[in-house]
Amino acid sequence: MEFDAPDRRGSNSGKWDRMEALFGVSPHDGLAMWTADSDYPTAPCVREAVQKAVDHGVFGYSWTYPAYLDAVCWWMQNRHGWAIEP
């Protein structure tokens, strides 16, 4: 399996652009191994959903979203064995 990560140096990425200041290692020589900040592109379905919201152009508050609440309940039941109510 091949993994092509985008080059995030110079993109205001803390782990890459502050590597030398924090650890004394050039980002051209170092390997950033932080788990909370991934170096792979966001899934296409997520990018499409974000783009749809951007294209709509209004970023106001939303009301409850039943599909989201159902997904959270499903996750908690299947992942943790907790039956929760939305």
PDB file of N, CA and C in Angstrom:
ATOM      1  N   MET A   1       0.844  -1.174   0.000  1.00  0.00           N
ATOM      2  CA  MET A   1       0.000   0.000   0.000  1.00  0.00           C
ATOM      3  C   MET A   1       0.895   1.244   0.000  1.00  0.00           C
ATOM      4  N   GLU A   2       0.553   2.176  -0.833  1.00  0.00           N
ATOM      5  CA  GLU A   2       1.311   3.422  -0.923  1.00  0.00           C
ATOM      6  C   GLU A   2       0.542   4.527  -0.213  1.00  0.00           C
ATOM      7  N   PHE A   3       1.273   5.395   0.448  1.00  0.00           N
ATOM      8  CA  PHE A   3       0.649   6.502   1.163  1.00  0.00           C
ATOM      9  C   PHE A   3       1.298   7.797   0.715  1.00  0.00           C
ATOM     10  N   ASP A   4       0.557   8.611  -0.008  1.00  0.00           N
ATOM     11  CA  ASP A   4       1.059   9.891  -0.482  1.00  0.00           C
ATOM     12  C   ASP A   4       0.459  11.005   0.363  1.00  0.00           C
ATOM     13  N   ALA A   5       1.248  11.540   1.266  1.00  0.00           N
ATOM     14  CA  ALA A   5       0.789  12.625   2.125  1.00  0.00           C
ATOM     15  C   ALA A   5       1.135  13.964   1.486  1.00  0.00           C
ATOM     16  N   PRO A   6       0.219  14.910   1.561  1.00  0.00           N
ATOM     17  CA  PRO A   6       0.539  16.238   1.038  1.00  0.00           C
ATOM     18  C   PRO A   6       1.641  16.891   1.885  1.00  0.00           C
ATOM     19  N   ASP A   7       2.453  17.702   1.257  1.00  0.00           N
ATOM     20  CA  ASP A   7       3.513  18.420   1.968  1.00  0.00           C
ATOM     21  C   ASP A   7       2.882  19.587   2.711  1.00  0.00           C
ATOM     22  N   ARG A   8       2.923  19.558   4.023  1.00  0.00           N
ATOM     23  CA  ARG A   8       2.285  20.601   4.829  1.00  0.00           C
ATOM     24  C   ARG A   8       3.282  21.636   5.327  1.00  0.00           C
ATOM     25  N   ARG A   9       4.535  21.504   4.958  1.00  0.00           N
ATOM     26  CA  ARG A   9       5.517  22.511   5.351  1.00  0.00           C
ATOM     27  C   ARG A   9       5.146  23.845   4.705  1.00  0.00           C
ATOM     28  N   GLY A  10       5.219  24.916   5.496  1.00  0.00           N
ATOM     29  CA  GLY A  10       4.880  26.240   4.987  1.00  0.00           C
ATOM     30  C   GLY A  10       3.390  26.518   4.919  1.00  0.00           C
ATOM     31  N   SER A  11       2.575  25.660   5.544  1.00  0.00           N
ATOM     32  CA  SER A  11       1.107  25.825   5.512  1.00  0.00           C
ATOM     33  C   SER A  11       0.555  26.243   6.875  1.00  0.00           C
ATOM     34  N   ASN A  12       1.423  26.742   7.744  1.00  0.00           N
ATOM     35  CA  ASN A  12       1.058  27.132   9.105  1.00  0.00           C
ATOM     36  C   ASN A  12       0.697  25.924   9.964  1.00  0.00           C
ATOM     37  N   SER A  13       1.253  24.777   9.633  1.00  0.00           N
ATOM     38  CA  SER A  13       1.075  23.565  10.423  1.00  0.00           C
ATOM     39  C   SER A  13       2.053  23.618  11.596  1.00  0.00           C
ATOM     40  N   GLY A  14       1.528  23.594  12.797  1.00  0.00           N
ATOM     41  CA  GLY A  14       2.374  23.699  13.978  1.00  0.00           C
ATOM     42  C   GLY A  14       3.450  22.638  14.056  1.00  0.00           C
ATOM     43  N   LYS A  15       3.098  21.407  13.742  1.00  0.00           N
ATOM     44  CA  LYS A  15       4.081  20.336  13.898  1.00  0.00           C
ATOM     45  C   LYS A  15       5.186  20.411  12.857  1.00  0.00           C
ATOM     46  N   TRP A  16       4.908  20.963  11.700  1.00  0.00           N
ATOM     47  CA  TRP A  16       5.942  21.088  10.675  1.00  0.00           C
ATOM     48  C   TRP A  16       6.644  22.439  10.742  1.00  0.00           C
ATOM     49  N   ASP A  17       5.874  23.510  10.839  1.00  0.00           N
ATOM     50  CA  ASP A  17       6.466  24.844  10.753  1.00  0.00           C
ATOM     51  C   ASP A  17       7.114  25.314  12.049  1.00  0.00           C
ATOM     52  N   ARG A  18       6.881  24.622  13.136  1.00  0.00           N
ATOM     53  CA  ARG A  18       7.523  24.976  14.402  1.00  0.00           C
ATOM     54  C   ARG A  18       8.518  23.905  14.864  1.00  0.00           C
ATOM     55  N   MET A  19       8.724  22.889  14.036  1.00  0.00           N
ATOM     56  CA  MET A  19       9.594  21.778  14.400  1.00  0.00           C
ATOM     57  C   MET A  19      10.999  22.242  14.782  1.00  0.00           C
ATOM     58  N   GLU A  20      11.577  23.109  13.964  1.00  0.00           N
ATOM     59  CA  GLU A  20      12.947  23.547  14.234  1.00  0.00           C
ATOM     60  C   GLU A  20      13.009  24.389  15.502  1.00  0.00           C
ATOM     61  N   ALA A  21      12.046  25.295  15.692  1.00  0.00           N
ATOM     62  CA  ALA A  21      12.046  26.140  16.886  1.00  0.00           C
ATOM     63  C   ALA A  21      11.820  25.323  18.152  1.00  0.00           C
ATOM     64  N   LEU A  22      10.968  24.328  18.079  1.00  0.00           N
ATOM     65  CA  LEU A  22      10.642  23.529  19.269  1.00  0.00           C
ATOM     66  C   LEU A  22      11.654  22.427  19.555  1.00  0.00           C
ATOM     67  N   PHE A  23      12.152  21.791  18.504  1.00  0.00           N
ATOM     68  CA  PHE A  23      12.954  20.589  18.708  1.00  0.00           C
ATOM     69  C   PHE A  23      14.356  20.660  18.097  1.00  0.00           C
ATOM     70  N   GLY A  24      14.653  21.770  17.413  1.00  0.00           N
ATOM     71  CA  GLY A  24      15.976  21.920  16.819  1.00  0.00           C
ATOM     72  C   GLY A  24      16.214  21.041  15.608  1.00  0.00           C
ATOM     73  N   VAL A  25      15.143  20.586  14.981  1.00  0.00           N
ATOM     74  CA  VAL A  25      15.245  19.708  13.809  1.00  0.00           C
ATOM     75  C   VAL A  25      14.581  20.401  12.630  1.00  0.00           C
ATOM     76  N   SER A  26      15.272  20.457  11.519  1.00  0.00           N
ATOM     77  CA  SER A  26      14.708  21.065  10.321  1.00  0.00           C
ATOM     78  C   SER A  26      13.519  20.244   9.833  1.00  0.00           C
ATOM     79  N   PRO A  27      12.435  20.885   9.397  1.00  0.00           N
ATOM     80  CA  PRO A  27      11.310  20.121   8.851  1.00  0.00           C
ATOM     81  C   PRO A  27      11.668  19.397   7.555  1.00  0.00           C
ATOM     82  N   HIS A  28      12.803  19.739   6.973  1.00  0.00           N
ATOM     83  CA  HIS A  28      13.254  19.035   5.767  1.00  0.00           C
ATOM     84  C   HIS A  28      13.985  17.745   6.133  1.00  0.00           C
ATOM     85  N   ASP A  29      14.456  17.652   7.373  1.00  0.00           N
ATOM     86  CA  ASP A  29      15.168  16.458   7.834  1.00  0.00           C
ATOM     87  C   ASP A  29      14.359  15.633   8.833  1.00  0.00           C
ATOM     88  N   GLY A  30      13.436  16.286   9.536  1.00  0.00           N
ATOM     89  CA  GLY A  30      12.693  15.627  10.600  1.00  0.00           C
ATOM     90  C   GLY A  30      11.472  14.885  10.093  1.00  0.00           C
ATOM     91  N   LEU A  31      10.910  14.102  10.982  1.00  0.00           N
ATOM     92  CA  LEU A  31       9.690  13.362  10.694  1.00  0.00           C
ATOM     93  C   LEU A  31       8.710  13.654  11.818  1.00  0.00           C
ATOM     94  N   ALA A  32       7.642  14.350  11.504  1.00  0.00           N
ATOM     95  CA  ALA A  32       6.639  14.710  12.508  1.00  0.00           C
ATOM     96  C   ALA A  32       5.745  13.495  12.756  1.00  0.00           C
ATOM     97  N   MET A  33       5.666  13.073  14.000  1.00  0.00           N
ATOM     98  CA  MET A  33       4.911  11.867  14.335  1.00  0.00           C
ATOM     99  C   MET A  33       3.799  12.167  15.341  1.00  0.00           C
ATOM    100  N   TRP A  34       3.107  13.271  15.165  1.00  0.00           N
ATOM    101  CA  TRP A  34       2.025  13.638  16.071  1.00  0.00           C
ATOM    102  C   TRP A  34       0.763  12.900  15.670  1.00  0.00           C
ATOM    103  N   THR A  35       0.030  12.422  16.643  1.00  0.00           N
ATOM    104  CA  THR A  35      -1.176  11.658  16.336  1.00  0.00           C
ATOM    105  C   THR A  35      -2.407  12.536  16.166  1.00  0.00           C
ATOM    106  N   ALA A  36      -2.448  13.684  16.801  1.00  0.00           N
ATOM    107  CA  ALA A  36      -3.653  14.514  16.773  1.00  0.00           C
ATOM    108  C   ALA A  36      -3.769  15.351  15.503  1.00  0.00           C
ATOM    109  N   ASP A  37      -2.738  15.416  14.703  1.00  0.00           N
ATOM    110  CA  ASP A  37      -2.749  16.230  13.490  1.00  0.00           C
ATOM    111  C   ASP A  37      -2.297  15.347  12.341  1.00  0.00           C
ATOM    112  N   SER A  38      -3.247  14.870  11.575  1.00  0.00           N
ATOM    113  CA  SER A  38      -2.948  13.904  10.518  1.00  0.00           C
ATOM    114  C   SER A  38      -2.448  14.583   9.255  1.00  0.00           C
ATOM    115  N   ASP A  39      -1.618  13.878   8.541  1.00  0.00           N
ATOM    116  CA  ASP A  39      -1.054  14.378   7.289  1.00  0.00           C
ATOM    117  C   ASP A  39      -1.630  13.643   6.093  1.00  0.00           C
ATOM    118  N   TYR A  40      -2.924  13.495   6.056  1.00  0.00           N
ATOM    119  CA  TYR A  40      -3.554  12.904   4.893  1.00  0.00           C
ATOM    120  C   TYR A  40      -4.801  13.711   4.562  1.00  0.00           C
ATOM    121  N   PRO A  41      -5.210  13.696   3.314  1.00  0.00           N
ATOM    122  CA  PRO A  41      -6.365  14.499   2.912  1.00  0.00           C
ATOM    123  C   PRO A  41      -7.650  14.037   3.594  1.00  0.00           C
ATOM    124  N   THR A  42      -8.550  14.962   3.772  1.00  0.00           N
ATOM    125  CA  THR A  42      -9.866  14.661   4.316  1.00  0.00           C
ATOM    126  C   THR A  42     -10.650  13.837   3.298  1.00  0.00           C
ATOM    127  N   ALA A  43     -11.489  12.938   3.775  1.00  0.00           N
ATOM    128  CA  ALA A  43     -12.275  12.070   2.900  1.00  0.00           C
ATOM    129  C   ALA A  43     -13.122  12.899   1.935  1.00  0.00           C
ATOM    130  N   PRO A  44     -13.248  12.445   0.692  1.00  0.00           N
ATOM    131  CA  PRO A  44     -14.032  13.196  -0.297  1.00  0.00           C
ATOM    132  C   PRO A  44     -15.457  13.510   0.164  1.00  0.00           C
ATOM    133  N   CYS A  45     -16.125  12.572   0.845  1.00  0.00           N
ATOM    134  CA  CYS A  45     -17.508  12.834   1.277  1.00  0.00           C
ATOM    135  C   CYS A  45     -17.567  13.978   2.279  1.00  0.00           C
ATOM    136  N   VAL A  46     -16.547  14.129   3.102  1.00  0.00           N
ATOM    137  CA  VAL A  46     -16.506  15.231   4.067  1.00  0.00           C
ATOM    138  C   VAL A  46     -16.246  16.540   3.332  1.00  0.00           C
ATOM    139  N   ARG A  47     -15.301  16.533   2.409  1.00  0.00           N
ATOM    140  CA  ARG A  47     -15.016  17.748   1.632  1.00  0.00           C
ATOM    141  C   ARG A  47     -16.243  18.190   0.841  1.00  0.00           C
ATOM    142  N   GLU A  48     -16.983  17.223   0.286  1.00  0.00           N
ATOM    143  CA  GLU A  48     -18.195  17.554  -0.470  1.00  0.00           C
ATOM    144  C   GLU A  48     -19.253  18.180   0.428  1.00  0.00           C
ATOM    145  N   ALA A  49     -19.417  17.654   1.642  1.00  0.00           N
ATOM    146  CA  ALA A  49     -20.402  18.206   2.578  1.00  0.00           C
ATOM    147  C   ALA A  49     -20.017  19.624   2.991  1.00  0.00           C
ATOM    148  N   VAL A  50     -18.731  19.844   3.244  1.00  0.00           N
ATOM    149  CA  VAL A  50     -18.266  21.183   3.604  1.00  0.00           C
ATOM    150  C   VAL A  50     -18.455  22.126   2.422  1.00  0.00           C
ATOM    151  N   GLN A  51     -18.122  21.669   1.214  1.00  0.00           N
ATOM    152  CA  GLN A  51     -18.284  22.514   0.032  1.00  0.00           C
ATOM    153  C   GLN A  51     -19.743  22.881  -0.190  1.00  0.00           C
ATOM    154  N   LYS A  52     -20.651  21.934   0.061  1.00  0.00           N
ATOM    155  CA  LYS A  52     -22.086  22.204  -0.082  1.00  0.00           C
ATOM    156  C   LYS A  52     -22.510  23.322   0.875  1.00  0.00           C
ATOM    157  N   ALA A  53     -21.999  23.282   2.095  1.00  0.00           N
ATOM    158  CA  ALA A  53     -22.319  24.337   3.061  1.00  0.00           C
ATOM    159  C   ALA A  53     -21.725  25.667   2.621  1.00  0.00           C
ATOM    160  N   VAL A  54     -20.514  25.639   2.099  1.00  0.00           N
ATOM    161  CA  VAL A  54     -19.866  26.872   1.615  1.00  0.00           C
ATOM    162  C   VAL A  54     -20.651  27.442   0.440  1.00  0.00           C
ATOM    163  N   ASP A  55     -21.048  26.595  -0.477  1.00  0.00           N
ATOM    164  CA  ASP A  55     -21.806  27.050  -1.644  1.00  0.00           C
ATOM    165  C   ASP A  55     -23.145  27.658  -1.235  1.00  0.00           C
ATOM    166  N   HIS A  56     -23.745  27.135  -0.171  1.00  0.00           N
ATOM    167  CA  HIS A  56     -25.007  27.692   0.318  1.00  0.00           C
ATOM    168  C   HIS A  56     -24.793  29.119   0.798  1.00  0.00           C
ATOM    169  N   GLY A  57     -23.664  29.361   1.453  1.00  0.00           N
ATOM    170  CA  GLY A  57     -23.266  30.718   1.809  1.00  0.00           C
ATOM    171  C   GLY A  57     -23.786  31.266   3.113  1.00  0.00           C
ATOM    172  N   VAL A  58     -24.631  30.534   3.815  1.00  0.00           N
ATOM    173  CA  VAL A  58     -25.154  31.003   5.099  1.00  0.00           C
ATOM    174  C   VAL A  58     -24.624  30.090   6.187  1.00  0.00           C
ATOM    175  N   PHE A  59     -24.023  30.690   7.209  1.00  0.00           N
ATOM    176  CA  PHE A  59     -23.403  29.903   8.277  1.00  0.00           C
ATOM    177  C   PHE A  59     -24.081  30.160   9.611  1.00  0.00           C
ATOM    178  N   GLY A  60     -25.401  30.210   9.612  1.00  0.00           N
ATOM    179  CA  GLY A  60     -26.148  30.464  10.836  1.00  0.00           C
ATOM    180  C   GLY A  60     -26.287  29.204  11.676  1.00  0.00           C
ATOM    181  N   TYR A  61     -27.014  29.345  12.753  1.00  0.00           N
ATOM    182  CA  TYR A  61     -27.246  28.215  13.644  1.00  0.00           C
ATOM    183  C   TYR A  61     -28.231  27.239  13.020  1.00  0.00           C
ATOM    184  N   SER A  62     -28.018  25.972  13.299  1.00  0.00           N
ATOM    185  CA  SER A  62     -28.920  24.927  12.811  1.00  0.00           C
ATOM    186  C   SER A  62     -29.775  24.401  13.951  1.00  0.00           C
ATOM    187  N   TRP A  63     -30.893  23.826  13.595  1.00  0.00           N
ATOM    188  CA  TRP A  63     -31.740  23.187  14.572  1.00  0.00           C
ATOM    189  C   TRP A  63     -31.342  21.723  14.635  1.00  0.00           C
ATOM    190  N   THR A  64     -32.024  20.922  15.421  1.00  0.00           N
ATOM    191  CA  THR A  64     -31.642  19.521  15.559  1.00  0.00           C
ATOM    192  C   THR A  64     -31.624  18.824  14.196  1.00  0.00           C
ATOM    193  N   TYR A  65     -30.740  17.889  14.093  1.00  0.00           N
ATOM    194  CA  TYR A  65     -30.542  17.144  12.853  1.00  0.00           C
ATOM    195  C   TYR A  65     -30.695  15.669  13.205  1.00  0.00           C
ATOM    196  N   PRO A  66     -31.879  15.090  12.971  1.00  0.00           N
ATOM    197  CA  PRO A  66     -32.163  13.717  13.410  1.00  0.00           C
ATOM    198  C   PRO A  66     -31.147  12.673  12.934  1.00  0.00           C
ATOM    199  N   ALA A  67     -30.676  12.774  11.716  1.00  0.00           N
ATOM    200  CA  ALA A  67     -29.711  11.779  11.212  1.00  0.00           C
ATOM    201  C   ALA A  67     -28.418  11.816  12.022  1.00  0.00           C
ATOM    202  N   TYR A  68     -27.997  13.009  12.431  1.00  0.00           N
ATOM    203  CA  TYR A  68     -26.797  13.140  13.265  1.00  0.00           C
ATOM    204  C   TYR A  68     -27.027  12.497  14.626  1.00  0.00           C
ATOM    205  N   LEU A  69     -28.161  12.805  15.241  1.00  0.00           N
ATOM    206  CA  LEU A  69     -28.466  12.233  16.553  1.00  0.00           C
ATOM    207  C   LEU A  69     -28.569  10.705  16.475  1.00  0.00           C
ATOM    208  N   ASP A  70     -29.165  10.198  15.406  1.00  0.00           N
ATOM    209  CA  ASP A  70     -29.253   8.747  15.218  1.00  0.00           C
ATOM    210  C   ASP A  70     -27.854   8.137  15.092  1.00  0.00           C
ATOM    211  N   ALA A  71     -26.967   8.818  14.383  1.00  0.00           N
ATOM    212  CA  ALA A  71     -25.603   8.322  14.206  1.00  0.00           C
ATOM    213  C   ALA A  71     -24.861   8.287  15.545  1.00  0.00           C
ATOM    214  N   VAL A  72     -25.051   9.306  16.368  1.00  0.00           N
ATOM    215  CA  VAL A  72     -24.411   9.330  17.691  1.00  0.00           C
ATOM    216  C   VAL A  72     -24.948   8.184  18.552  1.00  0.00           C
ATOM    217  N   CYS A  73     -26.250   7.992  18.554  1.00  0.00           N
ATOM    218  CA  CYS A  73     -26.847   6.893  19.331  1.00  0.00           C
ATOM    219  C   CYS A  73     -26.323   5.544  18.843  1.00  0.00           C
ATOM    220  N   TRP A  74     -26.259   5.369  17.522  1.00  0.00           N
ATOM    221  CA  TRP A  74     -25.731   4.123  16.955  1.00  0.00           C
ATOM    222  C   TRP A  74     -24.298   3.904  17.401  1.00  0.00           C
ATOM    223  N   TRP A  75     -23.464   4.951  17.312  1.00  0.00           N
ATOM    224  CA  TRP A  75     -22.052   4.850  17.687  1.00  0.00           C
ATOM    225  C   TRP A  75     -21.904   4.442  19.152  1.00  0.00           C
ATOM    226  N   MET A  76     -22.627   5.115  20.026  1.00  0.00           N
ATOM    227  CA  MET A  76     -22.512   4.828  21.447  1.00  0.00           C
ATOM    228  C   MET A  76     -22.956   3.391  21.754  1.00  0.00           C
ATOM    229  N   GLN A  77     -24.009   2.926  21.080  1.00  0.00           N
ATOM    230  CA  GLN A  77     -24.483   1.556  21.299  1.00  0.00           C
ATOM    231  C   GLN A  77     -23.478   0.539  20.773  1.00  0.00           C
ATOM    232  N   ASN A  78     -23.013   0.741  19.554  1.00  0.00           N
ATOM    233  CA  ASN A  78     -22.129  -0.235  18.920  1.00  0.00           C
ATOM    234  C   ASN A  78     -20.697  -0.175  19.413  1.00  0.00           C
ATOM    235  N   ARG A  79     -20.248   0.999  19.769  1.00  0.00           N
ATOM    236  CA  ARG A  79     -18.859   1.153  20.194  1.00  0.00           C
ATOM    237  C   ARG A  79     -18.683   0.915  21.696  1.00  0.00           C
ATOM    238  N   HIS A  80     -19.681   1.383  22.477  1.00  0.00           N
ATOM    239  CA  HIS A  80     -19.526   1.345  23.934  1.00  0.00           C
ATOM    240  C   HIS A  80     -20.602   0.526  24.662  1.00  0.00           C
ATOM    241  N   GLY A  81     -21.590   0.033  23.922  1.00  0.00           N
ATOM    242  CA  GLY A  81     -22.659  -0.734  24.553  1.00  0.00           C
ATOM    243  C   GLY A  81     -23.607   0.125  25.376  1.00  0.00           C
ATOM    244  N   TRP A  82     -23.644   1.422  25.079  1.00  0.00           N
ATOM    245  CA  TRP A  82     -24.514   2.347  25.825  1.00  0.00           C
ATOM    246  C   TRP A  82     -25.731   2.689  24.975  1.00  0.00           C
ATOM    247  N   ALA A  83     -26.887   2.407  25.495  1.00  0.00           N
ATOM    248  CA  ALA A  83     -28.126   2.788  24.808  1.00  0.00           C
ATOM    249  C   ALA A  83     -28.522   4.175  25.302  1.00  0.00           C
ATOM    250  N   ILE A  84     -28.383   5.156  24.433  1.00  0.00           N
ATOM    251  CA  ILE A  84     -28.713   6.534  24.820  1.00  0.00           C
ATOM    252  C   ILE A  84     -29.883   7.022  23.995  1.00  0.00           C
ATOM    253  N   GLU A  85     -30.571   8.004  24.507  1.00  0.00           N
ATOM    254  CA  GLU A  85     -31.697   8.640  23.803  1.00  0.00           C
ATOM    255  C   GLU A  85     -31.239   9.970  23.216  1.00  0.00           C
ATOM    256  N   PRO A  86     -31.699  10.269  22.030  1.00  0.00           N
ATOM    257  CA  PRO A  86     -31.305  11.549  21.439  1.00  0.00           C
ATOM    258  C   PRO A  86     -31.807  12.725  22.247  1.00  0.00           C
TER     259      PRO A  86
END
